[in-house]
N, C-alpha and C. Protein backbone atom coordinates (compact mmCIF):
# COMPACT_ATOMS: atom_id res chain seq x y z
N UNK A 1 0.77 -1.17 0.53
CA UNK A 1 0.31 0.21 0.23
C UNK A 1 0.77 1.45 -0.28
N UNK A 2 0.57 2.31 -0.51
CA UNK A 2 1.27 3.48 -0.78
C UNK A 2 1.04 4.30 0.34
N UNK A 3 1.62 5.18 0.89
CA UNK A 3 1.38 6.02 2.14
C UNK A 3 0.16 6.82 1.59
N UNK A 4 -0.60 7.25 3.01
CA UNK A 4 -1.21 8.67 2.59
C UNK A 4 -0.61 9.82 2.61
N UNK A 5 -0.86 10.60 1.46
CA UNK A 5 -0.29 11.91 2.00
C UNK A 5 -0.84 13.19 2.59
N UNK A 6 -0.38 14.48 3.33
CA UNK A 6 -1.04 15.16 3.68
C UNK A 6 -1.91 15.93 2.58
N UNK A 7 -2.55 16.57 2.40
CA UNK A 7 -3.52 17.26 1.73
C UNK A 7 -3.25 18.58 1.98
N UNK A 8 -2.90 19.22 0.65
CA UNK A 8 -1.97 20.06 0.97
C UNK A 8 -2.18 21.79 0.88
N UNK A 9 -4.04 21.17 0.51
CA UNK A 9 -5.07 22.40 1.06
C UNK A 9 -5.42 23.17 2.25
N UNK A 10 -5.58 21.82 2.90
CA UNK A 10 -6.29 21.36 4.20
C UNK A 10 -4.65 22.21 5.60
N UNK A 11 -3.57 21.64 4.84
CA UNK A 11 -2.60 21.91 5.29
C UNK A 11 -2.36 23.71 6.16
N UNK A 12 -3.44 23.86 4.62
CA UNK A 12 -2.61 25.53 5.14
C UNK A 12 -3.61 26.41 5.66
N UNK A 13 -4.79 25.53 5.06
CA UNK A 13 -6.61 25.76 6.00
C UNK A 13 -6.97 25.96 7.78
N UNK A 14 -6.35 25.25 8.10
CA UNK A 14 -6.11 23.72 8.68
C UNK A 14 -5.04 24.06 10.13
N UNK A 15 -5.48 23.40 11.98
CA UNK A 15 -4.78 22.99 11.86
C UNK A 15 -5.30 21.73 13.46
N UNK A 16 -4.44 21.08 14.34
CA UNK A 16 -4.95 20.24 14.55
C UNK A 16 -4.28 20.93 15.97
N UNK A 17 -5.51 21.13 16.99
CA UNK A 17 -4.90 20.49 18.66
C UNK A 17 -4.56 20.09 18.85
N UNK A 18 -3.52 21.00 20.15
CA UNK A 18 -3.43 18.63 21.17
C UNK A 18 -4.66 17.96 21.51
N UNK A 19 -5.71 18.74 21.87
CA UNK A 19 -6.94 17.73 22.20
C UNK A 19 -7.10 17.30 21.13
N UNK A 20 -7.06 17.68 19.42
CA UNK A 20 -7.71 17.02 18.23
C UNK A 20 -8.35 17.85 17.46
N UNK A 21 -8.80 18.98 17.71
CA UNK A 21 -10.15 19.73 17.50
C UNK A 21 -9.11 20.53 16.83
N UNK A 22 -10.29 20.86 15.16
CA UNK A 22 -9.62 21.64 14.08
C UNK A 22 -9.64 22.75 14.24
N UNK A 23 -9.00 24.28 14.01
CA UNK A 23 -9.24 25.40 14.11
C UNK A 23 -8.78 25.73 13.07
N UNK A 24 -9.70 26.24 12.62
CA UNK A 24 -9.28 27.11 11.49
C UNK A 24 -9.62 29.17 11.28
N UNK A 25 -8.91 29.37 10.21
CA UNK A 25 -9.42 31.12 10.70
C UNK A 25 -11.11 31.85 9.96
N UNK A 26 -11.31 32.61 10.94
CA UNK A 26 -12.36 32.97 10.25
C UNK A 26 -12.98 33.83 9.16
N UNK A 27 -13.65 33.77 8.37
CA UNK A 27 -14.52 34.20 6.68
C UNK A 27 -14.37 35.33 7.14
N UNK A 28 -14.67 36.82 6.42
CA UNK A 28 -14.98 38.15 7.17
C UNK A 28 -14.10 39.05 7.56
N UNK A 29 -12.91 38.43 7.57
CA UNK A 29 -12.00 39.38 8.69
C UNK A 29 -10.74 39.87 7.89
N UNK A 30 -10.52 39.44 6.80
CA UNK A 30 -9.18 40.35 6.04
C UNK A 30 -9.48 41.63 5.53
N UNK A 31 -10.03 42.26 5.38
CA UNK A 31 -10.11 44.05 4.87
C UNK A 31 -11.74 44.45 5.30
N UNK A 32 -11.80 45.56 4.34
CA UNK A 32 -13.17 46.54 5.28
C UNK A 32 -13.64 46.29 6.45
N UNK A 33 -12.94 46.52 7.51
CA UNK A 33 -13.01 46.36 8.67
C UNK A 33 -14.20 47.70 9.36
N UNK A 34 -14.19 48.75 8.51
CA UNK A 34 -14.92 50.00 9.47
C UNK A 34 -15.98 50.03 8.96
N UNK A 35 -16.92 49.34 8.11
CA UNK A 35 -18.24 48.94 8.19
C UNK A 35 -18.73 47.86 9.05
N UNK A 36 -18.24 47.32 9.67
CA UNK A 36 -18.16 46.30 10.79
C UNK A 36 -18.17 47.04 11.54
N UNK A 37 -19.29 46.14 12.59
CA UNK A 37 -19.35 46.95 14.12
C UNK A 37 -18.24 46.46 15.41
N UNK A 38 -17.97 46.99 16.09
CA UNK A 38 -16.63 46.29 16.58
C UNK A 38 -17.09 45.07 17.33
N UNK A 39 -18.13 44.81 17.97
CA UNK A 39 -18.74 43.47 17.70
C UNK A 39 -18.95 42.65 17.47
N UNK A 40 -18.86 43.03 16.22
CA UNK A 40 -18.78 42.08 15.24
C UNK A 40 -16.96 41.33 14.88
N UNK A 41 -16.10 42.55 14.83
CA UNK A 41 -14.51 42.28 14.84
C UNK A 41 -14.39 41.97 15.69
N UNK A 42 -14.60 41.74 17.09
CA UNK A 42 -14.09 41.42 18.43
C UNK A 42 -14.28 39.44 17.93
N UNK A 43 -15.44 39.14 17.27
CA UNK A 43 -15.68 38.21 17.50
C UNK A 43 -14.51 37.45 16.53
N UNK A 44 -14.56 37.73 15.48
CA UNK A 44 -13.83 37.68 14.24
C UNK A 44 -12.45 37.40 14.77
N UNK A 45 -11.96 37.65 15.99
CA UNK A 45 -10.43 37.61 15.94
C UNK A 45 -10.40 36.80 16.29
N UNK A 46 -10.87 35.66 17.11
CA UNK A 46 -10.98 34.37 17.18
C UNK A 46 -10.99 33.35 16.04
N UNK A 47 -10.53 32.44 16.90
CA UNK A 47 -10.22 30.97 15.95
C UNK A 47 -11.76 30.30 15.95
N UNK A 48 -11.44 30.17 14.15
CA UNK A 48 -13.32 28.96 14.06
C UNK A 48 -13.25 27.51 15.16
N UNK A 49 -13.62 26.97 15.18
CA UNK A 49 -13.54 24.64 15.54
C UNK A 49 -14.13 24.74 14.96
N UNK A 50 -13.84 23.33 14.48
CA UNK A 50 -15.18 22.09 13.57
C UNK A 50 -14.86 21.65 15.04
N UNK A 51 -16.61 20.78 14.02
CA UNK A 51 -16.70 19.53 15.49
C UNK A 51 -16.98 18.75 14.14
N UNK A 52 -17.53 17.81 14.73
CA UNK A 52 -18.25 16.63 14.65
C UNK A 52 -17.79 15.46 12.88
N UNK A 53 -18.45 15.28 12.47
CA UNK A 53 -17.39 14.31 11.90
C UNK A 53 -16.46 14.96 10.12
N UNK A 54 -16.81 15.96 10.15
CA UNK A 54 -15.85 17.09 9.20
C UNK A 54 -14.44 16.86 10.16
N UNK A 55 -14.31 17.40 11.36
CA UNK A 55 -13.10 17.33 12.12
C UNK A 55 -12.91 16.27 11.48
N UNK A 56 -13.56 15.31 11.54
CA UNK A 56 -12.97 14.02 11.50
C UNK A 56 -11.84 13.82 10.07
N UNK A 57 -12.91 13.94 9.63
CA UNK A 57 -12.45 14.60 7.95
C UNK A 57 -10.98 14.84 7.80
N UNK A 58 -10.27 16.04 8.37
CA UNK A 58 -9.46 16.73 8.59
C UNK A 58 -8.80 16.60 9.05
N UNK A 59 -8.91 16.22 11.24
CA UNK A 59 -7.59 15.04 11.35
C UNK A 59 -6.86 14.13 9.97
N UNK A 60 -8.22 13.06 9.51
CA UNK A 60 -7.45 11.69 8.48
C UNK A 60 -6.81 12.45 7.41
N UNK A 61 -7.33 13.56 6.96
CA UNK A 61 -6.28 14.45 6.12
C UNK A 61 -4.75 15.05 5.95
N UNK A 62 -5.20 15.57 6.99
CA UNK A 62 -3.18 16.09 8.34
C UNK A 62 -2.38 14.99 8.81
N UNK A 63 -2.85 14.05 9.36
CA UNK A 63 -2.03 12.42 9.35
C UNK A 63 -1.02 12.74 9.21
N UNK A 64 -0.90 12.45 7.84
CA UNK A 64 0.10 11.77 6.61
C UNK A 64 1.28 12.77 7.23
N UNK A 65 1.53 14.41 7.71
CA UNK A 65 2.45 14.95 7.74
C UNK A 65 2.99 14.77 9.35
N UNK A 66 2.00 14.17 10.82
CA UNK A 66 2.88 13.45 12.11
C UNK A 66 4.52 12.54 11.43
């Protein structure tokens, strides 16, 4: 059997925490912050956490890099 390769697209977008959760950068925070409310900008600072079946899929795609 050939080795499983790391999914390079996911490697750039997700990071696996020590507890096994998948963390990603939130959308809508790249630019044009002036028209967004302060509350929205503060909430966008925090990284998003992926849960459920898709988190397992991300872990499997990134597991080859270990």
